[in-house]
N, C-alpha and C. Protein backbone atom coordinates (compact mmCIF):
# COMPACT_ATOMS: atom_id res chain seq x y z
N MET A 1 103.76 57.65 40.74
CA MET A 1 104.26 56.41 40.21
C MET A 1 103.10 55.57 39.68
N GLU A 2 102.00 55.57 40.43
CA GLU A 2 100.85 54.76 40.03
C GLU A 2 100.28 55.20 38.69
N ILE A 3 100.12 56.49 38.53
CA ILE A 3 99.58 57.01 37.28
C ILE A 3 100.53 56.75 36.13
N TYR A 4 101.83 56.89 36.38
CA TYR A 4 102.84 56.62 35.36
C TYR A 4 102.73 55.18 34.88
N LEU A 5 102.64 54.23 35.83
CA LEU A 5 102.55 52.82 35.46
C LEU A 5 101.27 52.52 34.68
N LEU A 6 100.16 53.09 35.11
CA LEU A 6 98.90 52.87 34.39
C LEU A 6 98.98 53.40 32.96
N ILE A 7 99.56 54.58 32.79
CA ILE A 7 99.69 55.16 31.45
C ILE A 7 100.65 54.34 30.60
N LYS A 8 101.76 53.92 31.19
CA LYS A 8 102.76 53.16 30.44
C LYS A 8 102.19 51.81 29.99
N VAL A 9 101.56 51.09 30.91
CA VAL A 9 100.97 49.79 30.56
C VAL A 9 99.82 49.99 29.57
N GLY A 10 99.01 51.02 29.80
CA GLY A 10 97.90 51.30 28.88
C GLY A 10 98.37 51.61 27.48
N SER A 11 99.49 52.30 27.36
CA SER A 11 100.00 52.62 26.02
C SER A 11 100.62 51.39 25.35
N MET A 12 101.07 50.43 26.17
CA MET A 12 101.67 49.22 25.59
C MET A 12 100.62 48.19 25.17
N ILE A 13 99.60 47.98 26.02
CA ILE A 13 98.64 46.92 25.72
C ILE A 13 97.25 47.43 25.41
N GLY A 14 97.01 48.71 25.60
CA GLY A 14 95.70 49.30 25.32
C GLY A 14 94.92 49.55 26.61
N ALA A 15 93.93 50.41 26.48
CA ALA A 15 93.15 50.83 27.65
C ALA A 15 92.28 49.71 28.20
N LEU A 16 91.55 49.00 27.33
CA LEU A 16 90.65 47.97 27.82
C LEU A 16 91.38 46.81 28.51
N PRO A 17 92.47 46.29 27.94
CA PRO A 17 93.19 45.25 28.66
C PRO A 17 93.75 45.73 30.00
N THR A 18 94.18 46.99 30.05
CA THR A 18 94.69 47.54 31.30
C THR A 18 93.59 47.59 32.35
N ILE A 19 92.42 48.06 31.95
CA ILE A 19 91.29 48.11 32.88
C ILE A 19 90.90 46.70 33.31
N ALA A 20 90.92 45.76 32.37
CA ALA A 20 90.59 44.37 32.71
C ALA A 20 91.57 43.79 33.72
N ILE A 21 92.84 44.08 33.57
CA ILE A 21 93.85 43.59 34.52
C ILE A 21 93.63 44.19 35.89
N VAL A 22 93.33 45.47 35.94
CA VAL A 22 93.08 46.13 37.23
C VAL A 22 91.86 45.51 37.92
N ILE A 23 90.80 45.25 37.17
CA ILE A 23 89.61 44.63 37.74
C ILE A 23 89.90 43.19 38.16
N LEU A 24 90.64 42.46 37.34
CA LEU A 24 90.98 41.08 37.68
C LEU A 24 91.82 41.00 38.96
N THR A 25 92.76 41.90 39.12
CA THR A 25 93.57 41.87 40.35
C THR A 25 92.71 42.19 41.57
N ALA A 26 91.71 43.04 41.41
CA ALA A 26 90.81 43.34 42.53
C ALA A 26 89.98 42.10 42.89
N ILE A 27 89.52 41.37 41.89
CA ILE A 27 88.73 40.16 42.14
C ILE A 27 89.58 39.08 42.79
N VAL A 28 90.75 38.81 42.22
CA VAL A 28 91.65 37.79 42.79
C VAL A 28 92.09 38.21 44.19
N GLY A 29 92.38 39.48 44.37
CA GLY A 29 92.79 39.98 45.68
C GLY A 29 91.70 39.81 46.72
N THR A 30 90.46 40.07 46.35
CA THR A 30 89.35 39.90 47.27
C THR A 30 89.19 38.44 47.66
N TRP A 31 89.35 37.54 46.72
CA TRP A 31 89.26 36.10 47.00
C TRP A 31 90.38 35.66 47.95
N LEU A 32 91.61 36.12 47.67
CA LEU A 32 92.73 35.79 48.54
C LEU A 32 92.57 36.39 49.93
N LEU A 33 92.06 37.61 49.99
CA LEU A 33 91.84 38.27 51.27
C LEU A 33 90.85 37.48 52.11
N LYS A 34 89.80 36.98 51.49
CA LYS A 34 88.82 36.18 52.22
C LYS A 34 89.46 34.91 52.77
N GLN A 35 90.22 34.22 51.93
CA GLN A 35 90.89 32.98 52.37
C GLN A 35 91.85 33.23 53.52
N GLN A 36 92.72 34.21 53.34
CA GLN A 36 93.73 34.49 54.35
C GLN A 36 93.11 35.05 55.62
N GLY A 37 92.06 35.84 55.48
CA GLY A 37 91.37 36.39 56.64
C GLY A 37 90.72 35.31 57.47
N LEU A 38 90.08 34.35 56.81
CA LEU A 38 89.44 33.25 57.55
C LEU A 38 90.48 32.37 58.23
N ALA A 39 91.60 32.12 57.56
CA ALA A 39 92.67 31.31 58.17
C ALA A 39 93.25 32.02 59.38
N THR A 40 93.43 33.32 59.28
CA THR A 40 93.97 34.10 60.40
C THR A 40 92.97 34.12 61.55
N LEU A 41 91.69 34.26 61.26
CA LEU A 41 90.66 34.25 62.28
C LEU A 41 90.63 32.90 63.00
N GLN A 42 90.79 31.83 62.24
CA GLN A 42 90.80 30.49 62.84
C GLN A 42 91.99 30.33 63.79
N ARG A 43 93.17 30.79 63.38
CA ARG A 43 94.34 30.71 64.26
C ARG A 43 94.16 31.59 65.50
N TYR A 44 93.52 32.73 65.32
CA TYR A 44 93.22 33.65 66.43
C TYR A 44 92.35 32.93 67.47
N GLN A 45 91.29 32.28 66.98
CA GLN A 45 90.38 31.58 67.88
C GLN A 45 91.06 30.39 68.56
N GLN A 46 91.92 29.69 67.84
CA GLN A 46 92.66 28.57 68.44
C GLN A 46 93.56 29.06 69.56
N ASN A 47 94.27 30.13 69.34
CA ASN A 47 95.15 30.67 70.36
C ASN A 47 94.36 31.13 71.59
N LEU A 48 93.25 31.78 71.36
CA LEU A 48 92.42 32.19 72.49
C LEU A 48 91.91 30.98 73.27
N GLY A 49 91.51 29.95 72.56
CA GLY A 49 91.03 28.72 73.20
C GLY A 49 92.10 28.03 74.03
N GLN A 50 93.35 28.20 73.63
CA GLN A 50 94.47 27.59 74.35
C GLN A 50 95.02 28.52 75.43
N GLY A 51 94.40 29.67 75.59
CA GLY A 51 94.84 30.62 76.60
C GLY A 51 96.07 31.41 76.22
N GLN A 52 96.40 31.45 74.92
CA GLN A 52 97.57 32.20 74.45
C GLN A 52 97.11 33.55 73.88
N LEU A 53 97.99 34.51 73.96
CA LEU A 53 97.72 35.82 73.40
C LEU A 53 97.91 35.76 71.88
N PRO A 54 96.90 36.08 71.08
CA PRO A 54 97.01 36.00 69.62
C PRO A 54 97.60 37.27 69.01
N ALA A 55 98.76 37.69 69.48
CA ALA A 55 99.35 38.95 69.03
C ALA A 55 99.70 38.91 67.54
N MET A 56 100.32 37.83 67.10
CA MET A 56 100.72 37.73 65.68
C MET A 56 99.48 37.76 64.78
N GLU A 57 98.43 37.10 65.20
CA GLU A 57 97.21 37.07 64.39
C GLU A 57 96.56 38.45 64.32
N LEU A 58 96.63 39.21 65.41
CA LEU A 58 96.10 40.57 65.38
C LEU A 58 96.90 41.45 64.40
N MET A 59 98.21 41.30 64.44
CA MET A 59 99.06 42.06 63.50
C MET A 59 98.77 41.63 62.06
N GLU A 60 98.62 40.32 61.85
CA GLU A 60 98.32 39.82 60.51
C GLU A 60 96.98 40.37 60.02
N GLY A 61 96.01 40.47 60.92
CA GLY A 61 94.71 41.02 60.55
C GLY A 61 94.83 42.46 60.07
N MET A 62 95.66 43.24 60.76
CA MET A 62 95.85 44.64 60.33
C MET A 62 96.54 44.71 58.97
N ILE A 63 97.55 43.85 58.76
CA ILE A 63 98.25 43.84 57.47
C ILE A 63 97.30 43.38 56.37
N LEU A 64 96.45 42.39 56.66
CA LEU A 64 95.47 41.93 55.68
C LEU A 64 94.49 43.04 55.32
N LEU A 65 94.05 43.78 56.29
CA LEU A 65 93.14 44.90 56.04
C LEU A 65 93.81 45.95 55.14
N PHE A 66 95.05 46.27 55.45
CA PHE A 66 95.82 47.22 54.65
C PHE A 66 96.00 46.70 53.22
N GLY A 67 96.39 45.43 53.09
CA GLY A 67 96.59 44.84 51.77
C GLY A 67 95.31 44.79 50.96
N GLY A 68 94.20 44.47 51.62
CA GLY A 68 92.91 44.45 50.92
C GLY A 68 92.53 45.82 50.40
N ALA A 69 92.77 46.84 51.20
CA ALA A 69 92.47 48.21 50.75
C ALA A 69 93.33 48.59 49.55
N LEU A 70 94.60 48.18 49.57
CA LEU A 70 95.48 48.49 48.44
C LEU A 70 95.04 47.76 47.17
N LEU A 71 94.56 46.52 47.32
CA LEU A 71 94.12 45.78 46.14
C LEU A 71 92.85 46.35 45.53
N LEU A 72 92.03 46.99 46.33
CA LEU A 72 90.82 47.61 45.79
C LEU A 72 91.10 48.97 45.17
N THR A 73 92.28 49.51 45.43
CA THR A 73 92.69 50.77 44.82
C THR A 73 93.23 50.48 43.43
N PRO A 74 92.70 51.12 42.40
CA PRO A 74 93.18 50.83 41.05
C PRO A 74 94.65 51.18 40.87
N GLY A 75 95.38 50.27 40.29
CA GLY A 75 96.78 50.53 39.97
C GLY A 75 97.65 49.31 40.17
N PHE A 76 98.80 49.34 39.54
CA PHE A 76 99.71 48.20 39.58
C PHE A 76 100.64 48.23 40.78
N PHE A 77 101.14 49.39 41.13
CA PHE A 77 102.05 49.50 42.26
C PHE A 77 101.35 49.11 43.57
N THR A 78 100.13 49.63 43.76
CA THR A 78 99.37 49.27 44.96
C THR A 78 98.99 47.80 44.96
N ASP A 79 98.75 47.22 43.78
CA ASP A 79 98.42 45.80 43.70
C ASP A 79 99.60 44.93 44.15
N VAL A 80 100.80 45.29 43.75
CA VAL A 80 101.98 44.52 44.15
C VAL A 80 102.14 44.54 45.67
N ILE A 81 102.01 45.72 46.25
CA ILE A 81 102.14 45.82 47.71
C ILE A 81 100.99 45.09 48.39
N GLY A 82 99.80 45.21 47.85
CA GLY A 82 98.64 44.52 48.41
C GLY A 82 98.79 43.01 48.38
N PHE A 83 99.28 42.47 47.26
CA PHE A 83 99.49 41.02 47.17
C PHE A 83 100.58 40.57 48.13
N LEU A 84 101.61 41.38 48.31
CA LEU A 84 102.65 41.03 49.29
C LEU A 84 102.07 40.93 50.70
N CYS A 85 101.08 41.76 50.98
CA CYS A 85 100.44 41.70 52.30
C CYS A 85 99.57 40.46 52.46
N LEU A 86 99.15 39.86 51.36
CA LEU A 86 98.28 38.69 51.43
C LEU A 86 99.05 37.37 51.43
N ILE A 87 100.29 37.38 51.02
CA ILE A 87 101.11 36.16 51.01
C ILE A 87 101.63 35.94 52.43
N PRO A 88 101.31 34.78 53.03
CA PRO A 88 101.65 34.57 54.45
C PRO A 88 103.12 34.81 54.79
N ASP A 89 104.04 34.30 54.01
CA ASP A 89 105.47 34.48 54.34
C ASP A 89 105.89 35.94 54.27
N SER A 90 105.47 36.64 53.23
CA SER A 90 105.86 38.05 53.13
C SER A 90 105.14 38.89 54.18
N ARG A 91 103.91 38.53 54.50
CA ARG A 91 103.16 39.25 55.53
C ARG A 91 103.86 39.11 56.89
N GLN A 92 104.31 37.91 57.21
CA GLN A 92 105.01 37.71 58.48
C GLN A 92 106.37 38.41 58.48
N ALA A 93 107.02 38.47 57.33
CA ALA A 93 108.29 39.21 57.24
C ALA A 93 108.05 40.70 57.46
N ILE A 94 106.97 41.23 56.91
CA ILE A 94 106.63 42.64 57.13
C ILE A 94 106.40 42.90 58.60
N ILE A 95 105.71 42.01 59.28
CA ILE A 95 105.44 42.18 60.71
C ILE A 95 106.74 42.11 61.51
N ARG A 96 107.61 41.17 61.16
CA ARG A 96 108.90 41.06 61.88
C ARG A 96 109.73 42.33 61.68
N MET A 97 109.73 42.89 60.48
CA MET A 97 110.49 44.12 60.23
C MET A 97 109.89 45.28 61.02
N ALA A 98 108.57 45.32 61.10
CA ALA A 98 107.90 46.41 61.81
C ALA A 98 108.17 46.34 63.32
N MET A 99 108.32 45.14 63.82
CA MET A 99 108.58 44.98 65.26
C MET A 99 110.05 45.16 65.53
């Protein structure tokens, strides 16, 4: 599916714009991953400081790691899934479905 989408988009807008979009999504994804990772780490530390088990934050960290890896993988399908892992509401919905 990934190769099909890359070929289809590349044939519609050209190779260089397609490569530029793939690189741009990796850059934006890395920036979002850093932001969301730091926010999750902060909540993790707050919960530990309050004597609470940071289970949700640990799960979010794993989903963030997975999403970050997908965003660094070239392609549009993996980028969509990776961005869904970085959006807090969709990330928490993924965790709720998994549990």
